[in-house]
Amino acid sequence: MTAYFTEGQSDPTVQPVPASVVERVDAADTTLQNPKRAVLSLGSNLGNRLETLQGAIDALEDTPGVRVKAVSPVYETEPWGVEPGSQPTYFNAVVVLKTTLPPSSLLERAHAIEEAFHRVRDGRWGPRTIDVDIVAYAEVVSGDPVLTLPHPHAHERAFVLAPWHDVEPEAQLPGRGPVNHLLTAVTREGVLPRPDLELRLPE
């Protein structure tokens, strides 16, 4: 037999929750159970770059098991690994997530978002509407060729380190050390902050 409760009635099977538990739940992300922290790098150099970055952030937030916790400032950067002036400049940003997805599933979601924004994989350093890279996942260090963690080039790239440092000044890149130290060892040439542009944290 199904019991129905009208507004104002309490379910007798539900026990009161101690205040200490409520405080701990409120302090955590109440939508996820035992989430892991992940850092993703976003980049776009085709089409409406800012709109595409925001769309990717919103798509991440709409992913079951993912919550976007921080969004970095926008940087405009010269394309990596190609002749200067041969491609449009990138808009880059970093997002910090809490997620219950394992790394493999998060990678699948990243690729799905790229496909949704018509990412074309035309050459290793080709232009793209959106690039979604997993920079770090919890403290995982893995040489898996499908998903190397942390990202094998993150420690070399100011367009990853600078925005990440902006949102997490004390961040550590697993196996590499503090982001602020790594940032001092790379050049910021061609990596310019764009304070006139802003990405919003999903509500």
N, C-alpha and C. Protein backbone atom coordinates (compact mmCIF):
# COMPACT_ATOMS: atom_id res chain seq x y z
N MET A 1 0.85 -1.18 0.00
CA MET A 1 0.00 0.00 0.00
C MET A 1 0.89 1.24 0.00
N THR A 2 0.54 2.22 -0.82
CA THR A 2 1.32 3.44 -0.92
C THR A 2 0.78 4.49 0.03
N ALA A 3 1.66 5.11 0.78
CA ALA A 3 1.25 6.17 1.70
C ALA A 3 1.46 7.51 1.03
N TYR A 4 0.47 8.39 1.13
CA TYR A 4 0.58 9.72 0.56
C TYR A 4 0.60 10.74 1.67
N PHE A 5 1.41 11.75 1.54
CA PHE A 5 1.56 12.76 2.58
C PHE A 5 1.24 14.11 1.97
N THR A 6 0.32 14.79 2.58
CA THR A 6 -0.03 16.12 2.10
C THR A 6 0.97 17.12 2.67
N GLU A 7 1.00 18.31 2.07
CA GLU A 7 1.93 19.34 2.49
C GLU A 7 1.73 19.64 3.98
N GLY A 8 2.80 19.70 4.71
CA GLY A 8 2.72 19.98 6.14
C GLY A 8 2.88 18.74 6.98
N GLN A 9 2.61 17.55 6.36
CA GLN A 9 2.82 16.31 7.09
C GLN A 9 4.26 15.87 6.93
N SER A 10 4.75 15.11 7.90
CA SER A 10 6.11 14.58 7.80
C SER A 10 6.05 13.08 7.57
N ASP A 11 7.03 12.57 6.87
CA ASP A 11 7.13 11.14 6.61
C ASP A 11 7.66 10.47 7.87
N PRO A 12 6.89 9.59 8.52
CA PRO A 12 7.33 8.99 9.79
C PRO A 12 8.54 8.08 9.64
N THR A 13 8.89 7.69 8.39
CA THR A 13 10.05 6.81 8.21
C THR A 13 11.36 7.60 8.16
N VAL A 14 11.26 8.93 8.07
CA VAL A 14 12.46 9.75 7.99
C VAL A 14 12.86 10.20 9.39
N GLN A 15 14.07 9.86 9.78
CA GLN A 15 14.55 10.22 11.10
C GLN A 15 15.18 11.62 11.06
N PRO A 16 15.12 12.35 12.16
CA PRO A 16 15.78 13.66 12.20
C PRO A 16 17.28 13.53 11.93
N VAL A 17 17.81 14.48 11.21
CA VAL A 17 19.25 14.49 10.88
C VAL A 17 19.98 15.37 11.88
N PRO A 18 21.00 14.84 12.56
CA PRO A 18 21.75 15.66 13.52
C PRO A 18 22.31 16.92 12.87
N ALA A 19 22.35 17.99 13.64
CA ALA A 19 22.84 19.27 13.11
C ALA A 19 24.27 19.15 12.59
N SER A 20 25.08 18.33 13.23
CA SER A 20 26.48 18.19 12.80
C SER A 20 26.56 17.60 11.39
N VAL A 21 25.65 16.67 11.10
CA VAL A 21 25.62 16.08 9.76
C VAL A 21 25.15 17.11 8.74
N VAL A 22 24.14 17.88 9.10
CA VAL A 22 23.64 18.92 8.20
C VAL A 22 24.76 19.90 7.86
N GLU A 23 25.55 20.27 8.85
CA GLU A 23 26.64 21.22 8.61
C GLU A 23 27.67 20.63 7.65
N ARG A 24 27.97 19.36 7.83
CA ARG A 24 28.96 18.73 6.94
C ARG A 24 28.43 18.64 5.52
N VAL A 25 27.16 18.31 5.38
CA VAL A 25 26.55 18.23 4.05
C VAL A 25 26.52 19.60 3.39
N ASP A 26 26.15 20.61 4.15
CA ASP A 26 26.11 21.97 3.60
C ASP A 26 27.49 22.43 3.18
N ALA A 27 28.51 22.01 3.89
CA ALA A 27 29.87 22.42 3.58
C ALA A 27 30.39 21.72 2.33
N ALA A 28 29.83 20.56 2.02
CA ALA A 28 30.24 19.82 0.82
C ALA A 28 29.34 20.22 -0.34
N ASP A 29 29.60 19.63 -1.49
CA ASP A 29 28.70 19.83 -2.62
C ASP A 29 27.56 18.84 -2.44
N THR A 30 26.37 19.33 -2.15
CA THR A 30 25.27 18.44 -1.78
C THR A 30 24.76 17.63 -2.96
N THR A 31 25.20 17.95 -4.18
CA THR A 31 24.69 17.23 -5.34
C THR A 31 25.56 16.03 -5.71
N LEU A 32 26.72 15.88 -5.11
CA LEU A 32 27.63 14.81 -5.47
C LEU A 32 28.07 14.04 -4.23
N GLN A 33 28.31 12.76 -4.43
CA GLN A 33 28.81 11.91 -3.34
C GLN A 33 30.28 11.62 -3.59
N ASN A 34 31.14 11.98 -2.64
CA ASN A 34 32.58 11.72 -2.72
C ASN A 34 33.18 12.19 -4.05
N PRO A 35 32.99 13.46 -4.40
CA PRO A 35 33.50 13.93 -5.69
C PRO A 35 35.01 14.08 -5.70
N LYS A 36 35.57 13.99 -6.89
CA LYS A 36 36.99 14.25 -7.11
C LYS A 36 37.12 15.63 -7.77
N ARG A 37 38.27 16.23 -7.56
CA ARG A 37 38.54 17.53 -8.18
C ARG A 37 39.25 17.31 -9.51
N ALA A 38 38.82 18.04 -10.52
CA ALA A 38 39.45 17.95 -11.84
C ALA A 38 39.65 19.36 -12.39
N VAL A 39 40.69 19.52 -13.17
CA VAL A 39 41.00 20.80 -13.80
C VAL A 39 41.01 20.60 -15.30
N LEU A 40 40.24 21.41 -16.02
CA LEU A 40 40.16 21.31 -17.47
C LEU A 40 40.59 22.62 -18.11
N SER A 41 41.24 22.50 -19.25
CA SER A 41 41.65 23.66 -20.02
C SER A 41 40.77 23.75 -21.27
N LEU A 42 40.29 24.96 -21.54
CA LEU A 42 39.44 25.19 -22.71
C LEU A 42 40.13 26.18 -23.65
N GLY A 43 40.01 25.94 -24.94
CA GLY A 43 40.58 26.86 -25.91
C GLY A 43 39.74 26.90 -27.17
N SER A 44 39.68 28.07 -27.80
CA SER A 44 38.93 28.22 -29.06
C SER A 44 39.59 29.28 -29.91
N ASN A 45 39.77 28.97 -31.22
CA ASN A 45 40.29 30.01 -32.12
C ASN A 45 39.52 30.09 -33.44
N LEU A 46 38.32 29.54 -33.45
CA LEU A 46 37.44 29.66 -34.62
C LEU A 46 36.05 30.08 -34.18
N GLY A 47 35.38 30.87 -35.01
CA GLY A 47 34.01 31.27 -34.71
C GLY A 47 33.95 32.27 -33.57
N ASN A 48 32.81 32.29 -32.88
CA ASN A 48 32.62 33.18 -31.73
C ASN A 48 33.30 32.51 -30.53
N ARG A 49 34.55 32.87 -30.32
CA ARG A 49 35.37 32.14 -29.35
C ARG A 49 34.83 32.23 -27.92
N LEU A 50 34.43 33.42 -27.50
CA LEU A 50 33.94 33.57 -26.13
C LEU A 50 32.62 32.82 -25.93
N GLU A 51 31.75 32.92 -26.89
CA GLU A 51 30.46 32.23 -26.80
C GLU A 51 30.66 30.71 -26.76
N THR A 52 31.61 30.24 -27.54
CA THR A 52 31.89 28.80 -27.55
C THR A 52 32.45 28.33 -26.22
N LEU A 53 33.38 29.10 -25.64
CA LEU A 53 33.91 28.74 -24.33
C LEU A 53 32.80 28.68 -23.29
N GLN A 54 31.92 29.67 -23.31
CA GLN A 54 30.83 29.68 -22.34
C GLN A 54 29.90 28.50 -22.56
N GLY A 55 29.66 28.17 -23.82
CA GLY A 55 28.81 27.01 -24.12
C GLY A 55 29.41 25.72 -23.61
N ALA A 56 30.72 25.60 -23.71
CA ALA A 56 31.39 24.39 -23.21
C ALA A 56 31.30 24.32 -21.69
N ILE A 57 31.45 25.46 -21.02
CA ILE A 57 31.33 25.50 -19.55
C ILE A 57 29.91 25.10 -19.14
N ASP A 58 28.92 25.64 -19.82
CA ASP A 58 27.53 25.31 -19.51
C ASP A 58 27.25 23.83 -19.75
N ALA A 59 27.83 23.28 -20.82
CA ALA A 59 27.64 21.86 -21.12
C ALA A 59 28.28 20.98 -20.05
N LEU A 60 29.43 21.39 -19.53
CA LEU A 60 30.04 20.65 -18.43
C LEU A 60 29.14 20.66 -17.21
N GLU A 61 28.58 21.84 -16.89
CA GLU A 61 27.70 21.95 -15.73
C GLU A 61 26.46 21.09 -15.90
N ASP A 62 25.99 20.91 -17.14
CA ASP A 62 24.79 20.12 -17.41
C ASP A 62 25.07 18.62 -17.40
N THR A 63 26.31 18.24 -17.21
CA THR A 63 26.69 16.82 -17.21
C THR A 63 26.38 16.19 -15.86
N PRO A 64 25.60 15.10 -15.84
CA PRO A 64 25.36 14.41 -14.57
C PRO A 64 26.68 13.99 -13.93
N GLY A 65 26.83 14.28 -12.63
CA GLY A 65 28.06 13.93 -11.94
C GLY A 65 29.16 14.95 -12.05
N VAL A 66 28.84 16.13 -12.59
CA VAL A 66 29.83 17.20 -12.73
C VAL A 66 29.26 18.50 -12.19
N ARG A 67 30.07 19.23 -11.43
CA ARG A 67 29.71 20.58 -11.00
C ARG A 67 30.91 21.49 -11.23
N VAL A 68 30.67 22.58 -11.93
CA VAL A 68 31.73 23.56 -12.18
C VAL A 68 31.87 24.43 -10.94
N LYS A 69 33.05 24.46 -10.35
CA LYS A 69 33.26 25.18 -9.11
C LYS A 69 33.98 26.51 -9.30
N ALA A 70 34.76 26.65 -10.37
CA ALA A 70 35.49 27.90 -10.60
C ALA A 70 35.79 28.04 -12.09
N VAL A 71 35.73 29.28 -12.57
CA VAL A 71 36.04 29.60 -13.96
C VAL A 71 37.08 30.72 -13.96
N SER A 72 38.14 30.54 -14.71
CA SER A 72 39.24 31.50 -14.72
C SER A 72 38.92 32.71 -15.58
N PRO A 73 39.75 33.76 -15.48
CA PRO A 73 39.71 34.83 -16.47
C PRO A 73 40.08 34.30 -17.85
N VAL A 74 39.78 35.11 -18.86
CA VAL A 74 40.08 34.74 -20.25
C VAL A 74 41.46 35.27 -20.63
N TYR A 75 42.20 34.45 -21.35
CA TYR A 75 43.49 34.87 -21.92
C TYR A 75 43.41 34.74 -23.44
N GLU A 76 44.05 35.66 -24.13
CA GLU A 76 44.21 35.55 -25.58
C GLU A 76 45.63 35.11 -25.86
N THR A 77 45.77 34.04 -26.63
CA THR A 77 47.10 33.43 -26.78
C THR A 77 47.39 33.09 -28.24
N GLU A 78 48.66 33.13 -28.55
CA GLU A 78 49.12 32.71 -29.87
C GLU A 78 49.00 31.19 -29.96
N PRO A 79 48.63 30.66 -31.13
CA PRO A 79 48.52 29.21 -31.29
C PRO A 79 49.83 28.51 -30.97
N TRP A 80 49.72 27.34 -30.37
CA TRP A 80 50.87 26.55 -29.94
C TRP A 80 51.34 25.66 -31.09
N GLY A 81 52.64 25.66 -31.35
CA GLY A 81 53.22 24.69 -32.27
C GLY A 81 53.08 24.99 -33.74
N VAL A 82 52.69 26.23 -34.11
CA VAL A 82 52.54 26.58 -35.53
C VAL A 82 53.26 27.90 -35.81
N GLU A 83 53.40 28.21 -37.09
CA GLU A 83 54.04 29.46 -37.47
C GLU A 83 53.22 30.65 -36.99
N PRO A 84 53.87 31.67 -36.42
CA PRO A 84 53.14 32.87 -35.98
C PRO A 84 52.35 33.48 -37.14
N GLY A 85 51.10 33.84 -36.84
CA GLY A 85 50.24 34.47 -37.84
C GLY A 85 49.54 33.50 -38.78
N SER A 86 49.82 32.19 -38.65
CA SER A 86 49.21 31.22 -39.56
C SER A 86 47.79 30.81 -39.14
N GLN A 87 47.43 31.13 -37.90
CA GLN A 87 46.09 30.82 -37.39
C GLN A 87 45.59 32.00 -36.56
N PRO A 88 44.26 32.10 -36.38
CA PRO A 88 43.74 33.10 -35.45
C PRO A 88 44.21 32.82 -34.02
N THR A 89 44.23 33.84 -33.20
CA THR A 89 44.60 33.65 -31.80
C THR A 89 43.51 32.89 -31.06
N TYR A 90 43.92 32.30 -29.95
CA TYR A 90 42.99 31.55 -29.11
C TYR A 90 42.46 32.41 -27.97
N PHE A 91 41.25 32.10 -27.53
CA PHE A 91 40.80 32.47 -26.21
C PHE A 91 40.94 31.21 -25.36
N ASN A 92 41.59 31.34 -24.21
CA ASN A 92 41.81 30.20 -23.31
C ASN A 92 41.28 30.49 -21.93
N ALA A 93 40.86 29.44 -21.26
CA ALA A 93 40.40 29.54 -19.87
C ALA A 93 40.58 28.18 -19.21
N VAL A 94 40.51 28.18 -17.89
CA VAL A 94 40.59 26.95 -17.10
C VAL A 94 39.36 26.87 -16.21
N VAL A 95 38.81 25.67 -16.07
CA VAL A 95 37.70 25.45 -15.16
C VAL A 95 38.09 24.39 -14.15
N VAL A 96 37.64 24.57 -12.93
CA VAL A 96 37.85 23.59 -11.86
C VAL A 96 36.51 22.92 -11.59
N LEU A 97 36.51 21.60 -11.58
CA LEU A 97 35.29 20.82 -11.40
C LEU A 97 35.36 19.98 -10.14
N LYS A 98 34.18 19.63 -9.65
CA LYS A 98 34.02 18.50 -8.75
C LYS A 98 33.21 17.46 -9.53
N THR A 99 33.68 16.22 -9.53
CA THR A 99 33.00 15.22 -10.35
C THR A 99 33.05 13.84 -9.72
N THR A 100 32.01 13.08 -9.96
CA THR A 100 31.99 11.67 -9.57
C THR A 100 32.30 10.78 -10.76
N LEU A 101 32.50 11.36 -11.93
CA LEU A 101 32.86 10.57 -13.10
C LEU A 101 34.32 10.11 -13.00
N PRO A 102 34.61 8.90 -13.42
CA PRO A 102 36.01 8.49 -13.51
C PRO A 102 36.68 9.24 -14.66
N PRO A 103 38.01 9.27 -14.69
CA PRO A 103 38.70 10.01 -15.75
C PRO A 103 38.26 9.63 -17.16
N SER A 104 38.07 8.33 -17.41
CA SER A 104 37.69 7.89 -18.76
C SER A 104 36.34 8.46 -19.19
N SER A 105 35.40 8.52 -18.26
CA SER A 105 34.08 9.07 -18.59
C SER A 105 34.14 10.58 -18.76
N LEU A 106 34.97 11.24 -17.97
CA LEU A 106 35.14 12.68 -18.12
C LEU A 106 35.76 12.99 -19.48
N LEU A 107 36.70 12.16 -19.92
CA LEU A 107 37.29 12.34 -21.25
C LEU A 107 36.25 12.15 -22.34
N GLU A 108 35.39 11.15 -22.19
CA GLU A 108 34.32 10.94 -23.17
C GLU A 108 33.41 12.16 -23.24
N ARG A 109 33.11 12.73 -22.10
CA ARG A 109 32.26 13.92 -22.07
C ARG A 109 32.96 15.10 -22.73
N ALA A 110 34.25 15.25 -22.48
CA ALA A 110 35.01 16.32 -23.11
C ALA A 110 34.97 16.19 -24.63
N HIS A 111 35.14 14.96 -25.13
CA HIS A 111 35.10 14.74 -26.57
C HIS A 111 33.70 14.99 -27.13
N ALA A 112 32.67 14.63 -26.38
CA ALA A 112 31.29 14.86 -26.82
C ALA A 112 31.01 16.36 -26.95
N ILE A 113 31.54 17.15 -26.01
CA ILE A 113 31.36 18.60 -26.07
C ILE A 113 32.09 19.16 -27.28
N GLU A 114 33.30 18.67 -27.54
CA GLU A 114 34.03 19.11 -28.73
C GLU A 114 33.24 18.81 -29.99
N GLU A 115 32.66 17.61 -30.07
CA GLU A 115 31.87 17.25 -31.25
C GLU A 115 30.62 18.11 -31.37
N ALA A 116 29.99 18.43 -30.25
CA ALA A 116 28.79 19.26 -30.28
C ALA A 116 29.08 20.66 -30.83
N PHE A 117 30.31 21.12 -30.62
CA PHE A 117 30.71 22.43 -31.15
C PHE A 117 31.51 22.30 -32.44
N HIS A 118 31.36 21.13 -33.10
CA HIS A 118 31.89 20.90 -34.45
C HIS A 118 33.42 20.99 -34.49
N ARG A 119 34.05 20.47 -33.46
CA ARG A 119 35.51 20.38 -33.48
C ARG A 119 35.92 19.43 -34.61
N VAL A 120 36.84 19.90 -35.44
CA VAL A 120 37.38 19.08 -36.52
C VAL A 120 38.84 18.78 -36.19
N ARG A 121 39.18 17.49 -36.14
CA ARG A 121 40.55 17.09 -35.81
C ARG A 121 41.34 16.98 -37.12
N ASP A 122 41.84 18.12 -37.56
CA ASP A 122 42.56 18.21 -38.82
C ASP A 122 44.01 18.58 -38.55
N GLY A 123 44.82 17.57 -38.27
CA GLY A 123 46.22 17.82 -37.96
C GLY A 123 46.41 18.07 -36.48
N ARG A 124 47.64 17.85 -36.00
CA ARG A 124 47.91 17.90 -34.56
C ARG A 124 47.70 19.29 -33.99
N TRP A 125 48.15 20.33 -34.70
CA TRP A 125 48.06 21.68 -34.17
C TRP A 125 47.06 22.52 -34.97
N GLY A 126 46.07 21.86 -35.56
CA GLY A 126 45.11 22.58 -36.40
C GLY A 126 44.21 23.49 -35.59
N PRO A 127 43.60 24.50 -36.26
CA PRO A 127 42.65 25.36 -35.57
C PRO A 127 41.43 24.57 -35.14
N ARG A 128 40.75 25.05 -34.11
CA ARG A 128 39.57 24.32 -33.66
C ARG A 128 38.56 25.25 -33.00
N THR A 129 37.29 24.88 -33.17
CA THR A 129 36.22 25.66 -32.52
C THR A 129 36.33 25.55 -31.02
N ILE A 130 36.71 24.36 -30.53
CA ILE A 130 36.84 24.18 -29.08
C ILE A 130 37.79 23.02 -28.81
N ASP A 131 38.60 23.21 -27.80
CA ASP A 131 39.51 22.18 -27.32
C ASP A 131 39.24 22.04 -25.83
N VAL A 132 38.91 20.82 -25.40
CA VAL A 132 38.63 20.56 -23.98
C VAL A 132 39.62 19.50 -23.50
N ASP A 133 40.60 19.93 -22.72
CA ASP A 133 41.65 19.02 -22.24
C ASP A 133 41.55 18.83 -20.73
N ILE A 134 41.71 17.60 -20.29
CA ILE A 134 41.81 17.33 -18.85
C ILE A 134 43.25 17.58 -18.44
N VAL A 135 43.45 18.58 -17.60
CA VAL A 135 44.79 18.95 -17.14
C VAL A 135 45.21 18.07 -15.97
N ALA A 136 44.29 17.89 -15.02
CA ALA A 136 44.59 17.10 -13.83
C ALA A 136 43.31 16.51 -13.28
N TYR A 137 43.43 15.35 -12.66
CA TYR A 137 42.29 14.68 -12.04
C TYR A 137 42.75 14.17 -10.68
N ALA A 138 42.21 14.82 -9.62
CA ALA A 138 42.62 14.49 -8.25
C ALA A 138 44.15 14.48 -8.20
N GLU A 139 44.75 13.46 -7.59
CA GLU A 139 46.20 13.36 -7.52
C GLU A 139 46.73 12.29 -8.46
N VAL A 140 45.92 11.92 -9.44
CA VAL A 140 46.26 10.81 -10.32
C VAL A 140 47.46 11.16 -11.20
N VAL A 141 48.42 10.24 -11.24
CA VAL A 141 49.54 10.31 -12.18
C VAL A 141 49.51 9.00 -12.97
N SER A 142 49.29 9.10 -14.28
CA SER A 142 49.11 7.91 -15.10
C SER A 142 49.74 8.12 -16.47
N GLY A 143 50.42 7.10 -16.97
CA GLY A 143 51.02 7.16 -18.29
C GLY A 143 50.15 6.53 -19.36
N ASP A 144 48.88 6.28 -19.06
CA ASP A 144 47.96 5.69 -20.03
C ASP A 144 47.96 6.53 -21.31
N PRO A 145 48.28 5.92 -22.46
CA PRO A 145 48.34 6.72 -23.70
C PRO A 145 46.99 7.28 -24.12
N VAL A 146 45.89 6.68 -23.68
CA VAL A 146 44.57 7.21 -24.02
C VAL A 146 44.29 8.49 -23.24
N LEU A 147 44.69 8.53 -21.98
CA LEU A 147 44.53 9.72 -21.15
C LEU A 147 45.70 9.78 -20.17
N THR A 148 46.72 10.52 -20.54
CA THR A 148 47.88 10.71 -19.67
C THR A 148 47.56 11.78 -18.64
N LEU A 149 47.77 11.45 -17.37
CA LEU A 149 47.47 12.40 -16.29
C LEU A 149 48.69 12.60 -15.42
N PRO A 150 48.99 13.87 -15.07
CA PRO A 150 48.33 15.06 -15.61
C PRO A 150 48.66 15.23 -17.09
N HIS A 151 48.05 16.22 -17.75
CA HIS A 151 48.30 16.45 -19.16
C HIS A 151 49.81 16.59 -19.39
N PRO A 152 50.37 15.87 -20.36
CA PRO A 152 51.84 15.81 -20.48
C PRO A 152 52.51 17.13 -20.82
N HIS A 153 51.75 18.12 -21.31
CA HIS A 153 52.35 19.40 -21.66
C HIS A 153 51.89 20.56 -20.77
N ALA A 154 51.04 20.26 -19.78
CA ALA A 154 50.48 21.35 -18.96
C ALA A 154 51.55 22.18 -18.29
N HIS A 155 52.62 21.54 -17.82
CA HIS A 155 53.66 22.25 -17.08
C HIS A 155 54.48 23.18 -17.97
N GLU A 156 54.32 23.06 -19.30
CA GLU A 156 55.08 23.88 -20.25
C GLU A 156 54.26 25.05 -20.79
N ARG A 157 52.99 25.11 -20.49
CA ARG A 157 52.10 26.01 -21.20
C ARG A 157 51.55 27.12 -20.30
N ALA A 158 51.97 28.33 -20.58
CA ALA A 158 51.48 29.46 -19.79
C ALA A 158 49.99 29.67 -19.98
N PHE A 159 49.45 29.29 -21.14
CA PHE A 159 48.02 29.48 -21.36
C PHE A 159 47.17 28.53 -20.53
N VAL A 160 47.79 27.52 -19.92
CA VAL A 160 47.13 26.67 -18.94
C VAL A 160 47.47 27.14 -17.52
N LEU A 161 48.75 27.35 -17.27
CA LEU A 161 49.20 27.67 -15.91
C LEU A 161 48.71 29.02 -15.43
N ALA A 162 48.72 30.04 -16.29
CA ALA A 162 48.35 31.39 -15.86
C ALA A 162 46.89 31.47 -15.43
N PRO A 163 45.93 31.03 -16.25
CA PRO A 163 44.55 31.08 -15.77
C PRO A 163 44.27 30.17 -14.59
N TRP A 164 44.94 29.02 -14.54
CA TRP A 164 44.77 28.12 -13.40
C TRP A 164 45.26 28.81 -12.12
N HIS A 165 46.41 29.44 -12.20
CA HIS A 165 46.96 30.15 -11.04
C HIS A 165 46.03 31.26 -10.58
N ASP A 166 45.34 31.91 -11.53
CA ASP A 166 44.41 32.98 -11.18
C ASP A 166 43.29 32.49 -10.27
N VAL A 167 42.78 31.29 -10.52
CA VAL A 167 41.65 30.79 -9.72
C VAL A 167 42.09 29.93 -8.55
N GLU A 168 43.29 29.35 -8.63
CA GLU A 168 43.81 28.52 -7.54
C GLU A 168 45.29 28.82 -7.32
N PRO A 169 45.60 29.90 -6.63
CA PRO A 169 47.01 30.31 -6.45
C PRO A 169 47.87 29.25 -5.77
N GLU A 170 47.27 28.39 -4.96
CA GLU A 170 48.03 27.37 -4.24
C GLU A 170 47.99 26.01 -4.93
N ALA A 171 47.49 25.97 -6.17
CA ALA A 171 47.31 24.69 -6.86
C ALA A 171 48.63 23.97 -7.08
N GLN A 172 48.53 22.64 -7.13
CA GLN A 172 49.68 21.79 -7.41
C GLN A 172 49.35 20.94 -8.64
N LEU A 173 50.30 20.85 -9.55
CA LEU A 173 50.16 19.93 -10.68
C LEU A 173 50.77 18.60 -10.25
N PRO A 174 49.96 17.54 -10.15
CA PRO A 174 50.48 16.27 -9.64
C PRO A 174 51.74 15.82 -10.37
N GLY A 175 52.74 15.48 -9.58
CA GLY A 175 54.00 15.01 -10.14
C GLY A 175 54.93 16.10 -10.62
N ARG A 176 54.44 17.34 -10.63
CA ARG A 176 55.25 18.46 -11.15
C ARG A 176 55.49 19.56 -10.14
N GLY A 177 54.57 19.72 -9.16
CA GLY A 177 54.78 20.72 -8.14
C GLY A 177 53.83 21.90 -8.24
N PRO A 178 54.11 22.96 -7.46
CA PRO A 178 53.22 24.12 -7.40
C PRO A 178 53.09 24.82 -8.75
N VAL A 179 51.87 25.19 -9.10
CA VAL A 179 51.62 25.87 -10.37
C VAL A 179 52.37 27.20 -10.42
N ASN A 180 52.44 27.92 -9.29
CA ASN A 180 53.13 29.22 -9.32
C ASN A 180 54.61 29.06 -9.63
N HIS A 181 55.23 27.98 -9.18
CA HIS A 181 56.63 27.72 -9.51
C HIS A 181 56.79 27.36 -10.98
N LEU A 182 55.88 26.53 -11.46
CA LEU A 182 55.93 26.13 -12.87
C LEU A 182 55.76 27.34 -13.78
N LEU A 183 54.91 28.26 -13.36
CA LEU A 183 54.62 29.43 -14.18
C LEU A 183 55.84 30.33 -14.32
N THR A 184 56.66 30.39 -13.29
CA THR A 184 57.87 31.23 -13.36
C THR A 184 58.91 30.65 -14.32
N ALA A 185 58.78 29.37 -14.65
CA ALA A 185 59.77 28.70 -15.49
C ALA A 185 59.41 28.74 -16.98
N VAL A 186 58.23 29.26 -17.32
CA VAL A 186 57.82 29.31 -18.73
C VAL A 186 57.65 30.75 -19.17
N THR A 187 57.71 30.97 -20.47
CA THR A 187 57.50 32.32 -20.98
C THR A 187 56.02 32.64 -21.09
N ARG A 188 55.67 33.88 -20.80
CA ARG A 188 54.29 34.34 -20.98
C ARG A 188 54.13 35.09 -22.30
N GLU A 189 55.16 35.07 -23.12
CA GLU A 189 55.08 35.76 -24.40
C GLU A 189 53.93 35.18 -25.24
N GLY A 190 53.10 36.06 -25.77
CA GLY A 190 51.96 35.63 -26.57
C GLY A 190 50.79 35.13 -25.75
N VAL A 191 50.82 35.33 -24.42
CA VAL A 191 49.73 34.91 -23.53
C VAL A 191 49.27 36.15 -22.76
N LEU A 192 48.19 36.75 -23.22
CA LEU A 192 47.77 38.05 -22.71
C LEU A 192 46.42 37.97 -22.01
N PRO A 193 46.31 38.52 -20.78
CA PRO A 193 45.01 38.55 -20.11
C PRO A 193 44.04 39.46 -20.86
N ARG A 194 42.77 39.08 -20.85
CA ARG A 194 41.73 39.89 -21.49
C ARG A 194 40.69 40.27 -20.42
N PRO A 195 40.99 41.28 -19.60
CA PRO A 195 40.07 41.67 -18.54
C PRO A 195 38.75 42.23 -19.06
N ASP A 196 38.69 42.56 -20.34
CA ASP A 196 37.45 43.06 -20.94
C ASP A 196 36.48 41.94 -21.27
N LEU A 197 36.92 40.70 -21.16
CA LEU A 197 36.08 39.54 -21.45
C LEU A 197 35.83 38.77 -20.17
N GLU A 198 34.68 38.14 -20.09
CA GLU A 198 34.35 37.42 -18.85
C GLU A 198 33.51 36.19 -19.18
N LEU A 199 33.86 35.11 -18.52
CA LEU A 199 33.07 33.89 -18.56
C LEU A 199 32.35 33.76 -17.22
N ARG A 200 31.12 33.33 -17.26
CA ARG A 200 30.35 33.26 -16.02
C ARG A 200 30.32 31.83 -15.47
N LEU A 201 30.27 31.77 -14.17
CA LEU A 201 30.08 30.49 -13.48
C LEU A 201 28.61 30.09 -13.62
N PRO A 202 28.32 28.88 -14.09
CA PRO A 202 26.93 28.48 -14.22
C PRO A 202 26.19 28.57 -12.89
N GLU A 203 24.94 28.96 -12.93
CA GLU A 203 24.14 29.09 -11.71
C GLU A 203 23.63 27.73 -11.26
